[in-house]
């Protein structure tokens, strides 16, 4: 019988059993792909500077093949792999064909007002001021974010509908969410 190994084998998105630790490991199955005109690398650097436990990975470049389709100069950045707090992303320089919309957003769950303030200030810089409402904002690349206190979900889901309604009414008046104001509305 072979010796037990520390290593786990990863094949595609198939769970693999680690004999030594008696655990299952899986490869991340979902990666968020973000289409940029030509700002993929700049955006990846920007986002990784804001979020903890973040890094830039592989950067791939356009070659000569396909220039009649993609119209990108050879050796220009095509894709940038990066992670934000452990979540994998791919940024693609695909040209001005597609734009971000509010139909897709990323939620940042915050434990404290300090976290809400930090992410709000960092991500709103250079973004669309008119798109700031109820904890939502658009950053300077047009990507939508929701900067939300974890506590909000609990308050809105309260079985006491009057409490939930007061919190909702308070939230609808805000741009950046304020935990103290939400808690005050919750308590009545």
C-alpha atoms as a PDB file:
ATOM      1  CA  UNK A   1       0.000   0.000   0.000  1.00  0.00           C
ATOM      2  CA  UNK A   2       1.394   3.460  -0.914  1.00  0.00           C
ATOM      3  CA  UNK A   3       2.304   5.920   1.824  1.00  0.00           C
ATOM      4  CA  UNK A   4      -0.214   8.619   2.687  1.00  0.00           C
ATOM      5  CA  UNK A   5       0.655  11.997   1.229  1.00  0.00           C
ATOM      6  CA  UNK A   6       0.155  15.578   2.369  1.00  0.00           C
ATOM      7  CA  UNK A   7      -0.774  16.532  -1.162  1.00  0.00           C
ATOM      8  CA  UNK A   8      -4.255  16.673  -2.535  1.00  0.00           C
ATOM      9  CA  UNK A   9      -4.747  16.173  -6.248  1.00  0.00           C
ATOM     10  CA  UNK A  10      -6.925  18.675  -8.078  1.00  0.00           C
ATOM     11  CA  UNK A  11      -8.507  17.757 -11.387  1.00  0.00           C
ATOM     12  CA  UNK A  12     -10.854  20.297 -12.945  1.00  0.00           C
ATOM     13  CA  UNK A  13     -13.841  20.715 -10.586  1.00  0.00           C
ATOM     14  CA  UNK A  14     -13.908  17.120  -9.372  1.00  0.00           C
ATOM     15  CA  UNK A  15     -13.663  16.580  -5.610  1.00  0.00           C
ATOM     16  CA  UNK A  16     -10.495  14.712  -4.696  1.00  0.00           C
ATOM     17  CA  UNK A  17      -9.918  12.820  -1.437  1.00  0.00           C
ATOM     18  CA  UNK A  18      -6.795  13.607   0.604  1.00  0.00           C
ATOM     19  CA  UNK A  19      -5.806  10.289   2.202  1.00  0.00           C
ATOM     20  CA  UNK A  20      -3.766  11.733   5.066  1.00  0.00           C
ATOM     21  CA  UNK A  21      -6.245  14.377   6.263  1.00  0.00           C
ATOM     22  CA  UNK A  22      -9.348  12.394   5.280  1.00  0.00           C
ATOM     23  CA  UNK A  23     -10.819  15.516   3.676  1.00  0.00           C
ATOM     24  CA  UNK A  24     -12.294  16.389   0.318  1.00  0.00           C
ATOM     25  CA  UNK A  25     -10.830  19.216  -1.709  1.00  0.00           C
ATOM     26  CA  UNK A  26     -12.417  20.904  -4.692  1.00  0.00           C
ATOM     27  CA  UNK A  27     -11.293  23.424  -7.219  1.00  0.00           C
ATOM     28  CA  UNK A  28     -13.266  26.671  -7.253  1.00  0.00           C
ATOM     29  CA  UNK A  29     -15.993  26.228  -9.850  1.00  0.00           C
ATOM     30  CA  UNK A  30     -17.027  29.861 -10.307  1.00  0.00           C
ATOM     31  CA  UNK A  31     -14.832  32.769 -11.336  1.00  0.00           C
ATOM     32  CA  UNK A  32     -16.274  36.233 -11.895  1.00  0.00           C
ATOM     33  CA  UNK A  33     -15.298  37.543 -15.331  1.00  0.00           C
ATOM     34  CA  UNK A  34     -15.184  41.316 -15.803  1.00  0.00           C
ATOM     35  CA  UNK A  35     -15.107  42.787 -19.325  1.00  0.00           C
ATOM     36  CA  UNK A  36     -13.165  46.041 -19.651  1.00  0.00           C
ATOM     37  CA  UNK A  37     -12.349  48.135 -22.691  1.00  0.00           C
ATOM     38  CA  UNK A  38      -8.598  48.326 -22.010  1.00  0.00           C
ATOM     39  CA  UNK A  39      -8.318  48.832 -18.226  1.00  0.00           C
ATOM     40  CA  UNK A  40      -8.130  45.211 -16.998  1.00  0.00           C
ATOM     41  CA  UNK A  41      -4.660  45.411 -15.445  1.00  0.00           C
ATOM     42  CA  UNK A  42      -5.239  48.873 -13.984  1.00  0.00           C
ATOM     43  CA  UNK A  43      -8.554  47.745 -12.477  1.00  0.00           C
ATOM     44  CA  UNK A  44      -7.042  44.556 -11.020  1.00  0.00           C
ATOM     45  CA  UNK A  45      -4.319  46.624  -9.333  1.00  0.00           C
ATOM     46  CA  UNK A  46      -6.934  49.058  -8.027  1.00  0.00           C
ATOM     47  CA  UNK A  47      -9.220  46.369  -6.580  1.00  0.00           C
ATOM     48  CA  UNK A  48      -6.371  44.361  -5.020  1.00  0.00           C
ATOM     49  CA  UNK A  49      -5.151  47.530  -3.294  1.00  0.00           C
ATOM     50  CA  UNK A  50      -8.543  47.876  -1.557  1.00  0.00           C
ATOM     51  CA  UNK A  51      -9.326  44.334  -0.382  1.00  0.00           C
ATOM     52  CA  UNK A  52      -7.312  42.282   2.113  1.00  0.00           C
ATOM     53  CA  UNK A  53      -6.024  38.840   1.129  1.00  0.00           C
ATOM     54  CA  UNK A  54      -5.941  39.859  -2.509  1.00  0.00           C
ATOM     55  CA  UNK A  55      -3.409  39.343  -5.258  1.00  0.00           C
ATOM     56  CA  UNK A  56      -2.802  39.507  -8.962  1.00  0.00           C
ATOM     57  CA  UNK A  57      -2.034  36.215 -10.656  1.00  0.00           C
ATOM     58  CA  UNK A  58      -1.329  35.358 -14.263  1.00  0.00           C
ATOM     59  CA  UNK A  59      -1.454  38.011 -16.968  1.00  0.00           C
ATOM     60  CA  UNK A  60      -1.964  36.823 -20.541  1.00  0.00           C
ATOM     61  CA  UNK A  61      -1.292  38.907 -23.619  1.00  0.00           C
ATOM     62  CA  UNK A  62      -2.727  39.136 -27.099  1.00  0.00           C
ATOM     63  CA  UNK A  63      -0.645  37.635 -29.887  1.00  0.00           C
ATOM     64  CA  UNK A  64      -0.717  38.203 -33.630  1.00  0.00           C
ATOM     65  CA  UNK A  65      -3.383  35.576 -34.222  1.00  0.00           C
ATOM     66  CA  UNK A  66      -6.916  36.935 -34.373  1.00  0.00           C
ATOM     67  CA  UNK A  67      -6.043  40.613 -34.692  1.00  0.00           C
ATOM     68  CA  UNK A  68      -8.630  40.933 -37.458  1.00  0.00           C
ATOM     69  CA  UNK A  69     -11.229  40.006 -34.821  1.00  0.00           C
ATOM     70  CA  UNK A  70      -9.987  41.448 -31.514  1.00  0.00           C
ATOM     71  CA  UNK A  71      -8.096  44.377 -33.053  1.00  0.00           C
ATOM     72  CA  UNK A  72      -5.696  44.497 -30.096  1.00  0.00           C
ATOM     73  CA  UNK A  73      -1.980  45.160 -30.525  1.00  0.00           C
ATOM     74  CA  UNK A  74       0.253  42.134 -30.098  1.00  0.00           C
ATOM     75  CA  UNK A  75       1.672  41.856 -26.565  1.00  0.00           C
ATOM     76  CA  UNK A  76      -1.052  44.085 -25.055  1.00  0.00           C
ATOM     77  CA  UNK A  77      -2.804  42.736 -21.945  1.00  0.00           C
ATOM     78  CA  UNK A  78      -5.657  40.362 -22.748  1.00  0.00           C
ATOM     79  CA  UNK A  79      -6.585  38.841 -19.346  1.00  0.00           C
ATOM     80  CA  UNK A  80      -5.599  39.404 -15.734  1.00  0.00           C
ATOM     81  CA  UNK A  81      -6.355  36.778 -13.102  1.00  0.00           C
ATOM     82  CA  UNK A  82      -6.749  38.172  -9.589  1.00  0.00           C
ATOM     83  CA  UNK A  83      -8.369  37.387  -6.254  1.00  0.00           C
ATOM     84  CA  UNK A  84     -10.223  39.666  -3.855  1.00  0.00           C
ATOM     85  CA  UNK A  85     -10.319  38.271  -0.341  1.00  0.00           C
ATOM     86  CA  UNK A  86     -10.012  34.773  -1.793  1.00  0.00           C
ATOM     87  CA  UNK A  87     -12.689  35.172  -4.519  1.00  0.00           C
ATOM     88  CA  UNK A  88     -11.282  34.553  -8.023  1.00  0.00           C
ATOM     89  CA  UNK A  89     -11.781  37.082 -10.802  1.00  0.00           C
ATOM     90  CA  UNK A  90     -10.735  37.348 -14.430  1.00  0.00           C
ATOM     91  CA  UNK A  91     -10.441  40.779 -16.041  1.00  0.00           C
ATOM     92  CA  UNK A  92     -10.588  40.843 -19.831  1.00  0.00           C
ATOM     93  CA  UNK A  93      -9.613  43.685 -22.145  1.00  0.00           C
ATOM     94  CA  UNK A  94     -12.312  42.995 -24.717  1.00  0.00           C
ATOM     95  CA  UNK A  95     -12.919  46.461 -26.133  1.00  0.00           C
ATOM     96  CA  UNK A  96     -15.815  48.895 -25.775  1.00  0.00           C
ATOM     97  CA  UNK A  97     -18.493  46.406 -26.862  1.00  0.00           C
ATOM     98  CA  UNK A  98     -20.017  45.685 -23.437  1.00  0.00           C
ATOM     99  CA  UNK A  99     -20.522  47.893 -20.363  1.00  0.00           C
ATOM    100  CA  UNK A 100     -21.263  47.060 -16.733  1.00  0.00           C
ATOM    101  CA  UNK A 101     -24.789  47.602 -15.422  1.00  0.00           C
ATOM    102  CA  UNK A 102     -26.581  47.451 -12.071  1.00  0.00           C
ATOM    103  CA  UNK A 103     -28.009  44.087 -13.139  1.00  0.00           C
ATOM    104  CA  UNK A 104     -24.821  42.574 -11.671  1.00  0.00           C
ATOM    105  CA  UNK A 105     -23.195  43.816  -8.485  1.00  0.00           C
ATOM    106  CA  UNK A 106     -20.817  42.556  -5.838  1.00  0.00           C
ATOM    107  CA  UNK A 107     -21.927  42.633  -2.205  1.00  0.00           C
ATOM    108  CA  UNK A 108     -19.408  43.495   0.484  1.00  0.00           C
ATOM    109  CA  UNK A 109     -20.719  42.262   3.837  1.00  0.00           C
ATOM    110  CA  UNK A 110     -19.401  44.541   6.594  1.00  0.00           C
ATOM    111  CA  UNK A 111     -19.336  43.826  10.328  1.00  0.00           C
ATOM    112  CA  UNK A 112     -18.719  47.418  11.441  1.00  0.00           C
ATOM    113  CA  UNK A 113     -19.408  50.986  10.385  1.00  0.00           C
ATOM    114  CA  UNK A 114     -15.669  51.410  10.014  1.00  0.00           C
ATOM    115  CA  UNK A 115     -15.701  48.714   7.299  1.00  0.00           C
ATOM    116  CA  UNK A 116     -18.722  50.293   5.593  1.00  0.00           C
ATOM    117  CA  UNK A 117     -16.965  53.679   5.586  1.00  0.00           C
ATOM    118  CA  UNK A 118     -13.678  52.221   4.324  1.00  0.00           C
ATOM    119  CA  UNK A 119     -15.124  50.323   1.348  1.00  0.00           C
ATOM    120  CA  UNK A 120     -17.590  53.086   0.505  1.00  0.00           C
ATOM    121  CA  UNK A 121     -14.902  55.773   0.382  1.00  0.00           C
ATOM    122  CA  UNK A 122     -12.438  53.640  -1.580  1.00  0.00           C
ATOM    123  CA  UNK A 123     -14.901  52.373  -4.173  1.00  0.00           C
ATOM    124  CA  UNK A 124     -16.905  55.572  -4.736  1.00  0.00           C
ATOM    125  CA  UNK A 125     -13.774  57.574  -5.626  1.00  0.00           C
ATOM    126  CA  UNK A 126     -14.124  58.606  -9.254  1.00  0.00           C
ATOM    127  CA  UNK A 127     -17.413  56.756  -9.625  1.00  0.00           C
ATOM    128  CA  UNK A 128     -20.849  57.930 -10.700  1.00  0.00           C
ATOM    129  CA  UNK A 129     -22.255  60.079  -7.857  1.00  0.00           C
ATOM    130  CA  UNK A 130     -25.805  59.627  -9.201  1.00  0.00           C
ATOM    131  CA  UNK A 131     -25.501  55.834  -8.804  1.00  0.00           C
ATOM    132  CA  UNK A 132     -25.095  56.026  -5.005  1.00  0.00           C
ATOM    133  CA  UNK A 133     -28.267  54.860  -3.331  1.00  0.00           C
ATOM    134  CA  UNK A 134     -29.306  52.469  -0.546  1.00  0.00           C
ATOM    135  CA  UNK A 135     -25.776  51.149  -0.076  1.00  0.00           C
ATOM    136  CA  UNK A 136     -25.154  50.744  -3.821  1.00  0.00           C
ATOM    137  CA  UNK A 137     -22.459  52.577  -5.759  1.00  0.00           C
ATOM    138  CA  UNK A 138     -20.649  52.453  -9.064  1.00  0.00           C
ATOM    139  CA  UNK A 139     -16.864  52.641  -9.027  1.00  0.00           C
ATOM    140  CA  UNK A 140     -14.701  54.516 -11.507  1.00  0.00           C
ATOM    141  CA  UNK A 141     -14.914  51.612 -13.965  1.00  0.00           C
ATOM    142  CA  UNK A 142     -18.721  51.487 -13.808  1.00  0.00           C
ATOM    143  CA  UNK A 143     -18.854  48.279 -11.745  1.00  0.00           C
ATOM    144  CA  UNK A 144     -21.669  48.165  -9.169  1.00  0.00           C
ATOM    145  CA  UNK A 145     -21.030  47.337  -5.523  1.00  0.00           C
ATOM    146  CA  UNK A 146     -23.296  46.972  -2.517  1.00  0.00           C
ATOM    147  CA  UNK A 147     -21.582  47.967   0.728  1.00  0.00           C
ATOM    148  CA  UNK A 148     -23.878  46.429   3.313  1.00  0.00           C
ATOM    149  CA  UNK A 149     -23.709  45.862   7.076  1.00  0.00           C
ATOM    150  CA  UNK A 150     -24.311  42.188   7.928  1.00  0.00           C
ATOM    151  CA  UNK A 151     -26.789  43.418  10.529  1.00  0.00           C
ATOM    152  CA  UNK A 152     -29.093  44.789   7.811  1.00  0.00           C
ATOM    153  CA  UNK A 153     -30.124  41.355   6.536  1.00  0.00           C
ATOM    154  CA  UNK A 154     -31.029  40.252  10.044  1.00  0.00           C
ATOM    155  CA  UNK A 155     -33.122  43.375  10.694  1.00  0.00           C
ATOM    156  CA  UNK A 156     -34.982  43.263   7.368  1.00  0.00           C
ATOM    157  CA  UNK A 157     -35.690  39.541   7.817  1.00  0.00           C
ATOM    158  CA  UNK A 158     -37.128  40.062  11.321  1.00  0.00           C
ATOM    159  CA  UNK A 159     -40.550  38.369  11.656  1.00  0.00           C
ATOM    160  CA  UNK A 160     -41.823  41.592  13.254  1.00  0.00           C
ATOM    161  CA  UNK A 161     -42.837  43.338  10.020  1.00  0.00           C
ATOM    162  CA  UNK A 162     -43.097  46.743  11.703  1.00  0.00           C
ATOM    163  CA  UNK A 163     -39.419  46.588  12.697  1.00  0.00           C
ATOM    164  CA  UNK A 164     -38.422  45.411   9.223  1.00  0.00           C
ATOM    165  CA  UNK A 165     -40.489  48.180   7.596  1.00  0.00           C
ATOM    166  CA  UNK A 166     -38.886  50.878   9.760  1.00  0.00           C
ATOM    167  CA  UNK A 167     -35.424  49.654   8.785  1.00  0.00           C
ATOM    168  CA  UNK A 168     -36.382  49.548   5.099  1.00  0.00           C
ATOM    169  CA  UNK A 169     -37.795  53.094   5.274  1.00  0.00           C
ATOM    170  CA  UNK A 170     -34.590  54.355   6.912  1.00  0.00           C
ATOM    171  CA  UNK A 171     -32.373  52.559   4.385  1.00  0.00           C
ATOM    172  CA  UNK A 172     -34.279  53.979   1.405  1.00  0.00           C
ATOM    173  CA  UNK A 173     -33.304  57.513   2.512  1.00  0.00           C
ATOM    174  CA  UNK A 174     -29.568  56.738   2.597  1.00  0.00           C
ATOM    175  CA  UNK A 175     -26.733  56.683   0.129  1.00  0.00           C
ATOM    176  CA  UNK A 176     -24.022  55.127   2.306  1.00  0.00           C
ATOM    177  CA  UNK A 177     -25.639  52.896   4.932  1.00  0.00           C
ATOM    178  CA  UNK A 178     -25.320  53.995   8.550  1.00  0.00           C
ATOM    179  CA  UNK A 179     -25.534  51.187  11.113  1.00  0.00           C
ATOM    180  CA  UNK A 180     -26.507  53.430  14.057  1.00  0.00           C
ATOM    181  CA  UNK A 181     -29.405  54.953  12.112  1.00  0.00           C
ATOM    182  CA  UNK A 182     -30.591  51.521  10.969  1.00  0.00           C
ATOM    183  CA  UNK A 183     -30.428  50.194  14.542  1.00  0.00           C
ATOM    184  CA  UNK A 184     -32.367  53.203  15.821  1.00  0.00           C
ATOM    185  CA  UNK A 185     -35.100  52.604  13.239  1.00  0.00           C
ATOM    186  CA  UNK A 186     -35.159  48.919  14.179  1.00  0.00           C
ATOM    187  CA  UNK A 187     -35.671  49.688  17.852  1.00  0.00           C
ATOM    188  CA  UNK A 188     -38.414  52.190  17.050  1.00  0.00           C
END
